[in-house]
Amino acid sequence: EIAAPPVVIDAQDWRHAVVTSITDTRDELKRAHKSVALLRRQMTEIDRRRADRREKAVASLDRAENLLAELRDAWR
């Protein structure tokens, strides 16, 4: 049976690995935050456009109803 050589962990290498891991995690969290902020802005814009379209549709229907009422009244 061959024994594996003992693993020597240098404190400086260990510290560097931990710092790199923390930095990578922080960068990933920043990217995720930016993505969520972008999605939030896009959803807000979509909601605004939907409300604008709904408002225009209601105004158009109101005009159509008024026009129909005027035509009905004129017919009588």
Protein backbone atom coordinates (compact mmCIF):
# COMPACT_ATOMS: atom_id res chain seq x y z
CA GLU A 1 0.00 0.00 0.00
CA ILE A 2 1.35 3.41 -1.00
CA ALA A 3 0.76 6.22 1.44
CA ALA A 4 -0.26 9.57 0.01
CA PRO A 5 2.08 12.40 0.82
CA PRO A 6 0.85 14.64 3.59
CA VAL A 7 -1.09 17.67 2.38
CA VAL A 8 0.62 20.86 3.37
CA ILE A 9 -1.68 23.84 3.49
CA ASP A 10 0.17 27.10 3.45
CA ALA A 11 -1.62 29.77 5.48
CA GLN A 12 -0.98 32.36 2.76
CA ASP A 13 -2.49 30.08 0.08
CA TRP A 14 -5.45 29.34 2.31
CA ARG A 15 -6.03 33.05 2.97
CA HIS A 16 -5.77 33.81 -0.74
CA ALA A 17 -8.30 31.06 -1.56
CA VAL A 18 -10.77 32.39 1.03
CA VAL A 19 -10.37 35.99 -0.17
CA THR A 20 -10.81 34.90 -3.79
CA SER A 21 -13.93 32.94 -2.88
CA ILE A 22 -15.40 35.88 -0.97
CA THR A 23 -14.59 38.26 -3.84
CA ASP A 24 -16.16 35.92 -6.39
CA THR A 25 -19.27 35.54 -4.23
CA ARG A 26 -19.53 39.31 -3.76
CA ASP A 27 -19.20 39.85 -7.53
CA GLU A 28 -21.87 37.23 -8.19
CA LEU A 29 -24.20 38.92 -5.69
CA LYS A 30 -23.60 42.30 -7.36
CA ARG A 31 -24.46 40.81 -10.76
CA ALA A 32 -27.59 39.21 -9.32
CA HIS A 33 -28.62 42.51 -7.72
CA LYS A 34 -28.13 44.35 -11.03
CA SER A 35 -30.23 41.71 -12.80
CA VAL A 36 -33.03 42.01 -10.26
CA ALA A 37 -32.93 45.82 -10.45
CA LEU A 38 -33.12 45.65 -14.26
CA LEU A 39 -36.05 43.22 -14.10
CA ARG A 40 -37.80 45.47 -11.59
CA ARG A 41 -37.39 48.49 -13.91
CA GLN A 42 -38.63 46.45 -16.87
CA MET A 43 -41.68 45.24 -14.93
CA THR A 44 -42.46 48.80 -13.84
CA GLU A 45 -42.25 49.96 -17.46
CA ILE A 46 -44.45 47.06 -18.62
CA ASP A 47 -47.04 47.92 -15.95
CA ARG A 48 -46.95 51.59 -16.97
CA ARG A 49 -47.47 50.74 -20.65
CA ARG A 50 -50.27 48.32 -19.77
CA ALA A 51 -52.02 51.04 -17.73
CA ASP A 52 -51.59 53.52 -20.62
CA ARG A 53 -53.08 51.05 -23.10
CA ARG A 54 -55.96 50.29 -20.74
CA GLU A 55 -56.61 54.02 -20.29
CA LYS A 56 -56.63 54.55 -24.07
CA ALA A 57 -58.96 51.58 -24.56
CA VAL A 58 -61.39 52.92 -21.95
CA ALA A 59 -61.34 56.37 -23.58
CA SER A 60 -61.95 54.81 -26.99
CA LEU A 61 -64.86 52.76 -25.66
CA ASP A 62 -66.33 55.84 -23.98
CA ARG A 63 -66.15 57.74 -27.29
CA ALA A 64 -67.77 54.82 -29.11
CA GLU A 65 -70.57 54.60 -26.52
CA ASN A 66 -71.18 58.35 -26.76
CA LEU A 67 -71.25 58.19 -30.55
CA LEU A 68 -73.70 55.29 -30.48
CA ALA A 69 -75.89 57.15 -27.98
CA GLU A 70 -75.87 60.25 -30.22
CA LEU A 71 -76.77 58.16 -33.27
CA ARG A 72 -79.55 56.42 -31.33
CA ASP A 73 -80.91 59.78 -30.10
CA ALA A 74 -80.71 61.27 -33.60
CA TRP A 75 -82.59 58.29 -35.03
CA ARG A 76 -85.55 58.87 -32.71
